[in-house]
Amino acid sequence: METNALFYKIQKETVSTEDYVNWSHSLLENNVSSPSINIISSFSFGDSIFKVEVYFKRALNELEIQKPTFEISARAYIGFLANKIIKVNNHSEMFELAYTIFRIVDTELHNLDDLLEWYEISEMIDRLQYDDVPLEFNEVEVISRIKNEAKIFLGLND
């Protein structure tokens, strides 16, 4: 997980020891290291989050990382979710990831113009799952739209 996306989970108070450990592993994979990053990477997912957070704060100082604004961290987390959308093949998981992005856009980022497509995607998923009337689109089209929006957000347009 990218640092700014991790900050989103910290700000929302949903961060876990696993998130910190995965974050440290991703830094090490990208040849970013510090004494505290190395220690965090040695923790197991079941270790105390309070112990891990001590080393996380040290790592921030060691790497001179500043806390990002909420919008920057939320956009980074949306990017994390968009990346998962591209990789996942399970339709229900993809729909849940798209809903999560929609909730962030709707309730936390307050209708940013470049993210408004997620409203329409949310409506399409709702209609697909709950309407009994024939629709002007099908599941394959909705999945294609979700993946396409995820790619656009990540700047992976073909």
N, C-alpha and C. Protein backbone atom coordinates (compact mmCIF):
# COMPACT_ATOMS: atom_id res chain seq x y z
N MET A 1 0.84 -1.18 0.00
CA MET A 1 0.00 0.00 0.00
C MET A 1 0.89 1.24 0.00
N GLU A 2 0.53 2.17 -0.82
CA GLU A 2 1.26 3.42 -0.96
C GLU A 2 1.07 4.26 0.31
N THR A 3 2.04 5.09 0.63
CA THR A 3 2.04 5.86 1.88
C THR A 3 0.80 6.73 2.03
N ASN A 4 0.43 7.47 0.99
CA ASN A 4 -0.73 8.36 1.10
C ASN A 4 -2.02 7.57 1.31
N ALA A 5 -2.14 6.41 0.69
CA ALA A 5 -3.32 5.56 0.89
C ALA A 5 -3.36 5.05 2.33
N LEU A 6 -2.20 4.73 2.87
CA LEU A 6 -2.14 4.30 4.28
C LEU A 6 -2.62 5.42 5.19
N PHE A 7 -2.24 6.65 4.88
CA PHE A 7 -2.70 7.78 5.69
C PHE A 7 -4.22 7.90 5.67
N TYR A 8 -4.85 7.56 4.55
CA TYR A 8 -6.31 7.58 4.49
C TYR A 8 -6.88 6.63 5.55
N LYS A 9 -6.36 5.42 5.59
CA LYS A 9 -6.86 4.44 6.56
C LYS A 9 -6.57 4.88 7.99
N ILE A 10 -5.44 5.55 8.19
CA ILE A 10 -5.11 6.07 9.53
C ILE A 10 -6.13 7.14 9.91
N GLN A 11 -6.41 8.07 9.00
CA GLN A 11 -7.35 9.15 9.29
C GLN A 11 -8.77 8.64 9.51
N LYS A 12 -9.13 7.56 8.83
CA LYS A 12 -10.47 6.98 8.99
C LYS A 12 -10.53 6.00 10.16
N GLU A 13 -9.40 5.79 10.82
CA GLU A 13 -9.28 4.87 11.95
C GLU A 13 -9.67 3.44 11.59
N THR A 14 -9.26 3.03 10.37
CA THR A 14 -9.51 1.66 9.92
C THR A 14 -8.21 0.92 9.65
N VAL A 15 -7.10 1.52 10.02
CA VAL A 15 -5.80 0.93 9.75
C VAL A 15 -5.56 -0.27 10.67
N SER A 16 -4.82 -1.24 10.15
CA SER A 16 -4.52 -2.45 10.91
C SER A 16 -3.01 -2.70 10.89
N THR A 17 -2.58 -3.59 11.75
CA THR A 17 -1.18 -3.99 11.75
C THR A 17 -0.80 -4.52 10.36
N GLU A 18 -1.68 -5.28 9.76
CA GLU A 18 -1.43 -5.82 8.42
C GLU A 18 -1.16 -4.70 7.41
N ASP A 19 -1.92 -3.60 7.51
CA ASP A 19 -1.70 -2.47 6.60
C ASP A 19 -0.29 -1.90 6.75
N TYR A 20 0.14 -1.71 8.00
CA TYR A 20 1.48 -1.18 8.24
C TYR A 20 2.56 -2.13 7.72
N VAL A 21 2.39 -3.42 7.98
CA VAL A 21 3.38 -4.40 7.55
C VAL A 21 3.43 -4.45 6.02
N ASN A 22 2.27 -4.47 5.38
CA ASN A 22 2.24 -4.48 3.91
C ASN A 22 2.87 -3.21 3.34
N TRP A 23 2.62 -2.08 3.98
CA TRP A 23 3.21 -0.80 3.57
C TRP A 23 4.74 -0.90 3.63
N SER A 24 5.26 -1.44 4.74
CA SER A 24 6.71 -1.54 4.87
C SER A 24 7.29 -2.46 3.80
N HIS A 25 6.59 -3.55 3.49
CA HIS A 25 7.06 -4.47 2.45
C HIS A 25 7.08 -3.77 1.09
N SER A 26 6.06 -2.98 0.81
CA SER A 26 6.03 -2.29 -0.50
C SER A 26 7.17 -1.27 -0.59
N LEU A 27 7.49 -0.61 0.51
CA LEU A 27 8.62 0.32 0.49
C LEU A 27 9.93 -0.43 0.24
N LEU A 28 10.11 -1.54 0.94
CA LEU A 28 11.34 -2.32 0.77
C LEU A 28 11.46 -2.85 -0.65
N GLU A 29 10.34 -3.27 -1.24
CA GLU A 29 10.35 -3.75 -2.63
C GLU A 29 10.77 -2.65 -3.60
N ASN A 30 10.52 -1.40 -3.20
CA ASN A 30 10.89 -0.25 -4.03
C ASN A 30 12.21 0.38 -3.58
N ASN A 31 12.99 -0.41 -2.84
CA ASN A 31 14.32 0.02 -2.37
C ASN A 31 14.29 1.26 -1.50
N VAL A 32 13.23 1.41 -0.71
CA VAL A 32 13.14 2.47 0.28
C VAL A 32 13.25 1.79 1.64
N SER A 33 14.24 2.20 2.40
CA SER A 33 14.50 1.51 3.66
C SER A 33 14.90 2.51 4.74
N SER A 34 14.68 2.11 5.96
CA SER A 34 15.15 2.82 7.14
C SER A 34 15.16 1.80 8.28
N PRO A 35 15.81 2.10 9.38
CA PRO A 35 15.80 1.13 10.49
C PRO A 35 14.39 0.76 10.94
N SER A 36 13.51 1.74 11.03
CA SER A 36 12.14 1.46 11.50
C SER A 36 11.31 0.70 10.47
N ILE A 37 11.54 0.98 9.18
CA ILE A 37 10.84 0.22 8.12
C ILE A 37 11.21 -1.24 8.23
N ASN A 38 12.49 -1.50 8.44
CA ASN A 38 12.95 -2.89 8.58
C ASN A 38 12.29 -3.57 9.78
N ILE A 39 12.14 -2.84 10.87
CA ILE A 39 11.49 -3.42 12.06
C ILE A 39 10.02 -3.68 11.78
N ILE A 40 9.33 -2.72 11.17
CA ILE A 40 7.90 -2.91 10.86
C ILE A 40 7.71 -4.14 9.98
N SER A 41 8.61 -4.32 9.02
CA SER A 41 8.46 -5.46 8.09
C SER A 41 8.61 -6.80 8.79
N SER A 42 9.21 -6.80 9.98
CA SER A 42 9.39 -8.06 10.70
C SER A 42 8.21 -8.40 11.60
N PHE A 43 7.27 -7.48 11.77
CA PHE A 43 6.09 -7.76 12.59
C PHE A 43 5.18 -8.75 11.88
N SER A 44 4.42 -9.50 12.65
CA SER A 44 3.39 -10.35 12.07
C SER A 44 2.06 -9.61 12.14
N PHE A 45 1.09 -10.05 11.36
CA PHE A 45 -0.20 -9.38 11.30
C PHE A 45 -0.91 -9.38 12.65
N GLY A 46 -0.59 -10.32 13.51
CA GLY A 46 -1.25 -10.42 14.80
C GLY A 46 -0.61 -9.58 15.90
N ASP A 47 0.50 -8.93 15.60
CA ASP A 47 1.17 -8.11 16.60
C ASP A 47 0.36 -6.86 16.94
N SER A 48 0.65 -6.30 18.09
CA SER A 48 -0.05 -5.12 18.58
C SER A 48 0.13 -3.93 17.65
N ILE A 49 -0.98 -3.33 17.27
CA ILE A 49 -0.93 -2.16 16.40
C ILE A 49 -0.22 -1.00 17.09
N PHE A 50 -0.32 -0.94 18.41
CA PHE A 50 0.30 0.16 19.16
C PHE A 50 1.82 0.10 19.04
N LYS A 51 2.38 -1.11 19.08
CA LYS A 51 3.83 -1.27 18.92
C LYS A 51 4.26 -0.87 17.51
N VAL A 52 3.47 -1.29 16.53
CA VAL A 52 3.79 -0.99 15.14
C VAL A 52 3.72 0.52 14.89
N GLU A 53 2.73 1.17 15.48
CA GLU A 53 2.57 2.61 15.25
C GLU A 53 3.75 3.42 15.81
N VAL A 54 4.37 2.95 16.86
CA VAL A 54 5.57 3.62 17.38
C VAL A 54 6.65 3.63 16.30
N TYR A 55 6.86 2.49 15.67
CA TYR A 55 7.88 2.40 14.62
C TYR A 55 7.45 3.13 13.34
N PHE A 56 6.16 3.17 13.08
CA PHE A 56 5.66 3.92 11.93
C PHE A 56 6.00 5.40 12.09
N LYS A 57 5.74 5.95 13.26
CA LYS A 57 6.05 7.36 13.51
C LYS A 57 7.55 7.62 13.38
N ARG A 58 8.35 6.69 13.86
CA ARG A 58 9.80 6.82 13.70
C ARG A 58 10.18 6.77 12.21
N ALA A 59 9.56 5.87 11.48
CA ALA A 59 9.86 5.74 10.05
C ALA A 59 9.51 7.03 9.30
N LEU A 60 8.41 7.65 9.66
CA LEU A 60 8.04 8.92 9.03
C LEU A 60 9.14 9.96 9.24
N ASN A 61 9.66 10.02 10.45
CA ASN A 61 10.76 10.96 10.73
C ASN A 61 12.02 10.57 9.98
N GLU A 62 12.35 9.29 9.98
CA GLU A 62 13.56 8.83 9.30
C GLU A 62 13.52 9.13 7.80
N LEU A 63 12.35 8.98 7.21
CA LEU A 63 12.20 9.19 5.76
C LEU A 63 11.72 10.60 5.42
N GLU A 64 11.52 11.42 6.44
CA GLU A 64 11.04 12.80 6.28
C GLU A 64 9.74 12.85 5.49
N ILE A 65 8.80 11.99 5.87
CA ILE A 65 7.49 11.94 5.23
C ILE A 65 6.53 12.82 6.03
N GLN A 66 5.84 13.71 5.32
CA GLN A 66 4.85 14.58 5.94
C GLN A 66 3.45 14.01 5.72
N LYS A 67 2.57 14.26 6.67
CA LYS A 67 1.18 13.82 6.54
C LYS A 67 0.53 14.60 5.39
N PRO A 68 -0.10 13.88 4.44
CA PRO A 68 -0.76 14.56 3.32
C PRO A 68 -2.11 15.14 3.74
N THR A 69 -2.66 15.98 2.88
CA THR A 69 -4.02 16.47 3.12
C THR A 69 -4.99 15.30 3.01
N PHE A 70 -6.19 15.48 3.52
CA PHE A 70 -7.18 14.42 3.45
C PHE A 70 -7.51 14.09 1.99
N GLU A 71 -7.66 15.10 1.14
CA GLU A 71 -8.00 14.83 -0.27
C GLU A 71 -6.91 14.01 -0.95
N ILE A 72 -5.67 14.34 -0.69
CA ILE A 72 -4.57 13.58 -1.30
C ILE A 72 -4.59 12.13 -0.83
N SER A 73 -4.81 11.93 0.47
CA SER A 73 -4.83 10.55 0.98
C SER A 73 -6.06 9.79 0.47
N ALA A 74 -7.21 10.48 0.37
CA ALA A 74 -8.42 9.81 -0.14
C ALA A 74 -8.25 9.42 -1.60
N ARG A 75 -7.67 10.32 -2.39
CA ARG A 75 -7.42 10.00 -3.80
C ARG A 75 -6.43 8.84 -3.93
N ALA A 76 -5.44 8.81 -3.07
CA ALA A 76 -4.48 7.69 -3.10
C ALA A 76 -5.18 6.38 -2.75
N TYR A 77 -6.09 6.42 -1.79
CA TYR A 77 -6.82 5.21 -1.43
C TYR A 77 -7.75 4.78 -2.56
N ILE A 78 -8.37 5.75 -3.24
CA ILE A 78 -9.18 5.42 -4.41
C ILE A 78 -8.30 4.75 -5.46
N GLY A 79 -7.09 5.23 -5.63
CA GLY A 79 -6.16 4.60 -6.55
C GLY A 79 -5.84 3.17 -6.16
N PHE A 80 -5.68 2.95 -4.86
CA PHE A 80 -5.45 1.60 -4.34
C PHE A 80 -6.63 0.69 -4.69
N LEU A 81 -7.85 1.21 -4.48
CA LEU A 81 -9.06 0.43 -4.79
C LEU A 81 -9.19 0.22 -6.30
N ALA A 82 -8.89 1.24 -7.09
CA ALA A 82 -8.96 1.12 -8.55
C ALA A 82 -8.00 0.05 -9.05
N ASN A 83 -6.84 0.00 -8.45
CA ASN A 83 -5.86 -1.03 -8.81
C ASN A 83 -6.40 -2.42 -8.49
N LYS A 84 -7.08 -2.56 -7.36
CA LYS A 84 -7.68 -3.84 -7.02
C LYS A 84 -8.79 -4.20 -8.01
N ILE A 85 -9.56 -3.21 -8.45
CA ILE A 85 -10.63 -3.46 -9.42
C ILE A 85 -10.06 -4.06 -10.69
N ILE A 86 -8.96 -3.51 -11.15
CA ILE A 86 -8.35 -4.00 -12.40
C ILE A 86 -7.89 -5.45 -12.26
N LYS A 87 -7.45 -5.82 -11.07
CA LYS A 87 -6.91 -7.16 -10.85
C LYS A 87 -7.96 -8.22 -10.51
N VAL A 88 -9.09 -7.81 -9.95
CA VAL A 88 -10.08 -8.77 -9.45
C VAL A 88 -10.93 -9.32 -10.59
N ASN A 89 -11.34 -10.58 -10.45
CA ASN A 89 -12.21 -11.21 -11.44
C ASN A 89 -13.59 -11.53 -10.87
N ASN A 90 -13.75 -11.40 -9.58
CA ASN A 90 -15.01 -11.68 -8.92
C ASN A 90 -15.93 -10.46 -9.04
N HIS A 91 -17.09 -10.63 -9.67
CA HIS A 91 -17.98 -9.51 -9.93
C HIS A 91 -18.49 -8.86 -8.65
N SER A 92 -18.88 -9.65 -7.67
CA SER A 92 -19.41 -9.05 -6.44
C SER A 92 -18.33 -8.26 -5.70
N GLU A 93 -17.09 -8.76 -5.72
CA GLU A 93 -16.00 -8.01 -5.10
C GLU A 93 -15.74 -6.71 -5.87
N MET A 94 -15.80 -6.78 -7.19
CA MET A 94 -15.61 -5.58 -8.01
C MET A 94 -16.70 -4.55 -7.72
N PHE A 95 -17.94 -5.01 -7.59
CA PHE A 95 -19.04 -4.10 -7.28
C PHE A 95 -18.83 -3.45 -5.92
N GLU A 96 -18.37 -4.23 -4.94
CA GLU A 96 -18.13 -3.69 -3.60
C GLU A 96 -17.01 -2.65 -3.62
N LEU A 97 -15.96 -2.90 -4.37
CA LEU A 97 -14.87 -1.93 -4.50
C LEU A 97 -15.38 -0.64 -5.15
N ALA A 98 -16.21 -0.77 -6.19
CA ALA A 98 -16.78 0.40 -6.86
C ALA A 98 -17.67 1.19 -5.89
N TYR A 99 -18.47 0.48 -5.08
CA TYR A 99 -19.31 1.14 -4.07
C TYR A 99 -18.45 1.89 -3.05
N THR A 100 -17.34 1.30 -2.67
CA THR A 100 -16.45 1.95 -1.71
C THR A 100 -15.91 3.24 -2.30
N ILE A 101 -15.51 3.21 -3.55
CA ILE A 101 -15.04 4.44 -4.21
C ILE A 101 -16.17 5.46 -4.24
N PHE A 102 -17.37 5.02 -4.61
CA PHE A 102 -18.52 5.93 -4.65
C PHE A 102 -18.75 6.57 -3.28
N ARG A 103 -18.69 5.79 -2.20
CA ARG A 103 -18.93 6.35 -0.86
C ARG A 103 -17.88 7.39 -0.51
N ILE A 104 -16.64 7.15 -0.88
CA ILE A 104 -15.58 8.13 -0.61
C ILE A 104 -15.86 9.41 -1.39
N VAL A 105 -16.20 9.27 -2.66
CA VAL A 105 -16.48 10.43 -3.51
C VAL A 105 -17.69 11.18 -2.98
N ASP A 106 -18.73 10.45 -2.62
CA ASP A 106 -19.99 11.07 -2.21
C ASP A 106 -19.92 11.74 -0.84
N THR A 107 -19.34 11.07 0.11
CA THR A 107 -19.42 11.58 1.49
C THR A 107 -18.16 12.28 1.98
N GLU A 108 -17.03 12.03 1.32
CA GLU A 108 -15.79 12.57 1.86
C GLU A 108 -15.11 13.58 0.95
N LEU A 109 -15.27 13.43 -0.36
CA LEU A 109 -14.62 14.35 -1.28
C LEU A 109 -15.59 15.35 -1.89
N HIS A 110 -16.85 15.18 -1.62
CA HIS A 110 -17.90 16.15 -1.97
C HIS A 110 -17.93 16.53 -3.45
N ASN A 111 -18.24 15.53 -4.24
CA ASN A 111 -18.61 15.74 -5.65
C ASN A 111 -17.52 16.37 -6.50
N LEU A 112 -16.33 15.89 -6.43
CA LEU A 112 -15.28 16.40 -7.30
C LEU A 112 -15.60 16.01 -8.74
N ASP A 113 -15.52 16.96 -9.64
CA ASP A 113 -15.96 16.75 -11.02
C ASP A 113 -15.29 15.56 -11.70
N ASP A 114 -14.01 15.35 -11.44
CA ASP A 114 -13.31 14.27 -12.13
C ASP A 114 -13.70 12.88 -11.60
N LEU A 115 -14.51 12.84 -10.56
CA LEU A 115 -14.90 11.54 -9.98
C LEU A 115 -16.41 11.29 -10.07
N LEU A 116 -17.13 12.14 -10.77
CA LEU A 116 -18.59 12.02 -10.84
C LEU A 116 -19.06 10.74 -11.53
N GLU A 117 -18.23 10.14 -12.35
CA GLU A 117 -18.61 8.90 -13.04
C GLU A 117 -18.95 7.79 -12.05
N TRP A 118 -18.37 7.85 -10.85
CA TRP A 118 -18.63 6.81 -9.86
C TRP A 118 -20.07 6.86 -9.35
N TYR A 119 -20.74 8.02 -9.45
CA TYR A 119 -22.17 8.10 -9.12
C TYR A 119 -22.97 7.26 -10.10
N GLU A 120 -22.70 7.45 -11.37
CA GLU A 120 -23.42 6.70 -12.40
C GLU A 120 -23.16 5.20 -12.28
N ILE A 121 -21.92 4.85 -12.01
CA ILE A 121 -21.58 3.43 -11.83
C ILE A 121 -22.35 2.85 -10.66
N SER A 122 -22.44 3.59 -9.57
CA SER A 122 -23.20 3.13 -8.40
C SER A 122 -24.67 2.90 -8.76
N GLU A 123 -25.23 3.82 -9.52
CA GLU A 123 -26.62 3.68 -9.96
C GLU A 123 -26.80 2.46 -10.86
N MET A 124 -25.84 2.24 -11.75
CA MET A 124 -25.91 1.09 -12.64
C MET A 124 -25.87 -0.23 -11.85
N ILE A 125 -25.00 -0.29 -10.86
CA ILE A 125 -24.90 -1.49 -10.03
C ILE A 125 -26.21 -1.72 -9.28
N ASP A 126 -26.75 -0.65 -8.69
CA ASP A 126 -28.03 -0.76 -7.97
C ASP A 126 -29.13 -1.28 -8.88
N ARG A 127 -29.23 -0.70 -10.06
CA ARG A 127 -30.28 -1.12 -10.98
C ARG A 127 -30.08 -2.56 -11.42
N LEU A 128 -28.84 -2.93 -11.63
CA LEU A 128 -28.53 -4.30 -12.05
C LEU A 128 -28.91 -5.30 -10.96
N GLN A 129 -28.64 -4.93 -9.71
CA GLN A 129 -28.87 -5.86 -8.61
C GLN A 129 -30.31 -5.85 -8.08
N TYR A 130 -31.01 -4.73 -8.20
CA TYR A 130 -32.29 -4.61 -7.50
C TYR A 130 -33.50 -4.36 -8.39
N ASP A 131 -33.33 -3.95 -9.63
CA ASP A 131 -34.48 -3.68 -10.49
C ASP A 131 -34.98 -4.97 -11.12
N ASP A 132 -36.28 -5.07 -11.23
CA ASP A 132 -36.90 -6.23 -11.86
C ASP A 132 -37.22 -5.98 -13.33
N VAL A 133 -37.07 -4.77 -13.77
CA VAL A 133 -37.42 -4.43 -15.15
C VAL A 133 -36.20 -4.64 -16.05
N PRO A 134 -36.43 -4.92 -17.33
CA PRO A 134 -35.30 -5.06 -18.26
C PRO A 134 -34.49 -3.76 -18.31
N LEU A 135 -33.19 -3.89 -18.37
CA LEU A 135 -32.32 -2.73 -18.34
C LEU A 135 -31.73 -2.45 -19.71
N GLU A 136 -31.28 -1.22 -19.91
CA GLU A 136 -30.64 -0.85 -21.17
C GLU A 136 -29.17 -1.27 -21.21
N PHE A 137 -28.70 -1.92 -20.15
CA PHE A 137 -27.31 -2.40 -20.09
C PHE A 137 -27.31 -3.74 -19.37
N ASN A 138 -26.21 -4.49 -19.49
CA ASN A 138 -26.12 -5.77 -18.80
C ASN A 138 -24.89 -5.79 -17.90
N GLU A 139 -24.71 -6.89 -17.19
CA GLU A 139 -23.61 -7.02 -16.22
C GLU A 139 -22.24 -6.84 -16.87
N VAL A 140 -22.06 -7.39 -18.06
CA VAL A 140 -20.78 -7.27 -18.75
C VAL A 140 -20.47 -5.80 -19.04
N GLU A 141 -21.47 -5.04 -19.42
CA GLU A 141 -21.27 -3.61 -19.69
C GLU A 141 -20.91 -2.84 -18.42
N VAL A 142 -21.55 -3.19 -17.31
CA VAL A 142 -21.26 -2.53 -16.04
C VAL A 142 -19.83 -2.84 -15.60
N ILE A 143 -19.45 -4.09 -15.71
CA ILE A 143 -18.09 -4.49 -15.34
C ILE A 143 -17.07 -3.77 -16.21
N SER A 144 -17.35 -3.70 -17.49
CA SER A 144 -16.45 -2.99 -18.42
C SER A 144 -16.34 -1.52 -18.03
N ARG A 145 -17.45 -0.93 -17.68
CA ARG A 145 -17.45 0.50 -17.29
C ARG A 145 -16.64 0.72 -16.01
N ILE A 146 -16.80 -0.17 -15.04
CA ILE A 146 -16.06 -0.06 -13.78
C ILE A 146 -14.56 -0.17 -14.05
N LYS A 147 -14.17 -1.18 -14.81
CA LYS A 147 -12.74 -1.36 -15.11
C LYS A 147 -12.19 -0.18 -15.90
N ASN A 148 -12.98 0.33 -16.83
CA ASN A 148 -12.54 1.47 -17.63
C ASN A 148 -12.34 2.71 -16.75
N GLU A 149 -13.27 2.99 -15.84
CA GLU A 149 -13.13 4.14 -14.95
C GLU A 149 -11.93 3.98 -14.02
N ALA A 150 -11.70 2.75 -13.57
CA ALA A 150 -10.53 2.50 -12.72
C ALA A 150 -9.25 2.81 -13.51
N LYS A 151 -9.20 2.38 -14.76
CA LYS A 151 -8.03 2.65 -15.61
C LYS A 151 -7.87 4.15 -15.85
N ILE A 152 -8.96 4.83 -16.10
CA ILE A 152 -8.90 6.28 -16.31
C ILE A 152 -8.35 6.97 -15.07
N PHE A 153 -8.85 6.57 -13.91
CA PHE A 153 -8.37 7.19 -12.66
C PHE A 153 -6.87 6.98 -12.49
N LEU A 154 -6.40 5.78 -12.84
CA LEU A 154 -4.99 5.45 -12.68
C LEU A 154 -4.13 5.95 -13.84
N GLY A 155 -4.78 6.54 -14.85
CA GLY A 155 -4.02 7.05 -15.99
C GLY A 155 -3.53 5.95 -16.90
N LEU A 156 -4.28 4.85 -16.96
CA LEU A 156 -3.89 3.70 -17.77
C LEU A 156 -4.71 3.60 -19.05
N ASN A 157 -5.24 4.70 -19.53
CA ASN A 157 -6.07 4.67 -20.75
C ASN A 157 -5.26 4.08 -21.88
N ASP A 158 -5.92 3.25 -22.65
CA ASP A 158 -5.24 2.61 -23.80
C ASP A 158 -5.08 3.57 -24.94
